[in-house]
């Protein structure tokens, strides 16, 4: 996430809409703020929701950044 504020907003939105997720502290070397959202369900649907509400993010999977 680009900022801690967006991480909070994104997690609240996703949890309220039924997409279980949590905020985790990450390495700042990823280019973000040091926090990320870990989604425990369908990522594509959750990402569509973030896009719809204009919450910026960078997608990083187990295989690396996409």
C-alpha atoms as a PDB file:
ATOM      1  CA  UNK A   1       0.000   0.000   0.000  1.00  0.00           C
ATOM      2  CA  UNK A   2       1.262   3.512  -0.694  1.00  0.00           C
ATOM      3  CA  UNK A   3       0.423   4.666   2.853  1.00  0.00           C
ATOM      4  CA  UNK A   4      -0.760   3.370   6.204  1.00  0.00           C
ATOM      5  CA  UNK A   5      -3.970   5.378   5.746  1.00  0.00           C
ATOM      6  CA  UNK A   6      -4.777   3.558   2.495  1.00  0.00           C
ATOM      7  CA  UNK A   7      -3.998   0.226   4.156  1.00  0.00           C
ATOM      8  CA  UNK A   8      -6.548   1.004   6.898  1.00  0.00           C
ATOM      9  CA  UNK A   9      -9.170   2.251   4.412  1.00  0.00           C
ATOM     10  CA  UNK A  10      -8.669  -0.748   2.149  1.00  0.00           C
ATOM     11  CA  UNK A  11      -8.848  -3.295   4.960  1.00  0.00           C
ATOM     12  CA  UNK A  12     -11.992  -1.703   6.432  1.00  0.00           C
ATOM     13  CA  UNK A  13     -13.676  -1.671   3.021  1.00  0.00           C
ATOM     14  CA  UNK A  14     -12.758  -5.274   2.229  1.00  0.00           C
ATOM     15  CA  UNK A  15     -13.739  -6.631   5.645  1.00  0.00           C
ATOM     16  CA  UNK A  16     -17.064  -4.741   5.533  1.00  0.00           C
ATOM     17  CA  UNK A  17     -17.830  -6.267   2.116  1.00  0.00           C
ATOM     18  CA  UNK A  18     -17.074  -9.832   3.232  1.00  0.00           C
ATOM     19  CA  UNK A  19     -13.464 -10.211   2.067  1.00  0.00           C
ATOM     20  CA  UNK A  20     -11.490 -11.335   5.115  1.00  0.00           C
ATOM     21  CA  UNK A  21      -8.126  -9.596   5.242  1.00  0.00           C
ATOM     22  CA  UNK A  22      -5.585  -8.213   7.654  1.00  0.00           C
ATOM     23  CA  UNK A  23      -2.924  -5.537   7.662  1.00  0.00           C
ATOM     24  CA  UNK A  24       0.618  -6.783   8.138  1.00  0.00           C
ATOM     25  CA  UNK A  25       3.886  -4.943   8.615  1.00  0.00           C
ATOM     26  CA  UNK A  26       6.216  -5.484   5.651  1.00  0.00           C
ATOM     27  CA  UNK A  27       9.679  -4.469   4.557  1.00  0.00           C
ATOM     28  CA  UNK A  28       9.831  -0.893   3.274  1.00  0.00           C
ATOM     29  CA  UNK A  29      12.093  -2.217   0.525  1.00  0.00           C
ATOM     30  CA  UNK A  30       8.928  -3.147  -1.401  1.00  0.00           C
ATOM     31  CA  UNK A  31       8.497   0.544  -2.228  1.00  0.00           C
ATOM     32  CA  UNK A  32       5.405   1.086  -0.112  1.00  0.00           C
ATOM     33  CA  UNK A  33       4.758   2.448   3.345  1.00  0.00           C
ATOM     34  CA  UNK A  34       5.742  -0.704   5.186  1.00  0.00           C
ATOM     35  CA  UNK A  35       2.208  -2.097   5.522  1.00  0.00           C
ATOM     36  CA  UNK A  36       0.311  -4.465   3.279  1.00  0.00           C
ATOM     37  CA  UNK A  37      -3.135  -6.026   3.135  1.00  0.00           C
ATOM     38  CA  UNK A  38      -3.229  -9.825   3.061  1.00  0.00           C
ATOM     39  CA  UNK A  39      -6.479 -11.027   1.503  1.00  0.00           C
ATOM     40  CA  UNK A  40      -7.799 -14.420   2.564  1.00  0.00           C
ATOM     41  CA  UNK A  41     -10.280 -14.925  -0.297  1.00  0.00           C
ATOM     42  CA  UNK A  42     -10.745 -14.170  -3.988  1.00  0.00           C
ATOM     43  CA  UNK A  43      -8.148 -11.530  -4.810  1.00  0.00           C
ATOM     44  CA  UNK A  44      -9.591 -10.549  -8.176  1.00  0.00           C
ATOM     45  CA  UNK A  45     -12.965  -9.625  -6.673  1.00  0.00           C
ATOM     46  CA  UNK A  46     -11.310  -7.783  -3.789  1.00  0.00           C
ATOM     47  CA  UNK A  47      -9.008  -5.870  -6.141  1.00  0.00           C
ATOM     48  CA  UNK A  48     -12.003  -4.841  -8.259  1.00  0.00           C
ATOM     49  CA  UNK A  49     -13.552  -3.392  -5.122  1.00  0.00           C
ATOM     50  CA  UNK A  50     -10.378  -1.435  -4.296  1.00  0.00           C
ATOM     51  CA  UNK A  51     -10.332  -0.137  -7.874  1.00  0.00           C
ATOM     52  CA  UNK A  52     -13.993   0.890  -7.703  1.00  0.00           C
ATOM     53  CA  UNK A  53     -13.345   2.940  -4.548  1.00  0.00           C
ATOM     54  CA  UNK A  54     -10.081   4.353  -5.966  1.00  0.00           C
ATOM     55  CA  UNK A  55      -7.855   2.916  -3.251  1.00  0.00           C
ATOM     56  CA  UNK A  56      -4.355   2.609  -4.755  1.00  0.00           C
ATOM     57  CA  UNK A  57      -2.328  -0.576  -4.315  1.00  0.00           C
ATOM     58  CA  UNK A  58       0.470  -2.643  -5.807  1.00  0.00           C
ATOM     59  CA  UNK A  59      -0.192  -6.335  -6.253  1.00  0.00           C
ATOM     60  CA  UNK A  60       2.553  -8.584  -4.907  1.00  0.00           C
ATOM     61  CA  UNK A  61       1.995 -12.337  -4.939  1.00  0.00           C
ATOM     62  CA  UNK A  62       4.113 -15.179  -3.604  1.00  0.00           C
ATOM     63  CA  UNK A  63       5.855 -15.180  -6.986  1.00  0.00           C
ATOM     64  CA  UNK A  64       6.717 -11.462  -6.869  1.00  0.00           C
ATOM     65  CA  UNK A  65       5.243  -8.178  -8.033  1.00  0.00           C
ATOM     66  CA  UNK A  66       2.714  -8.134 -10.887  1.00  0.00           C
END
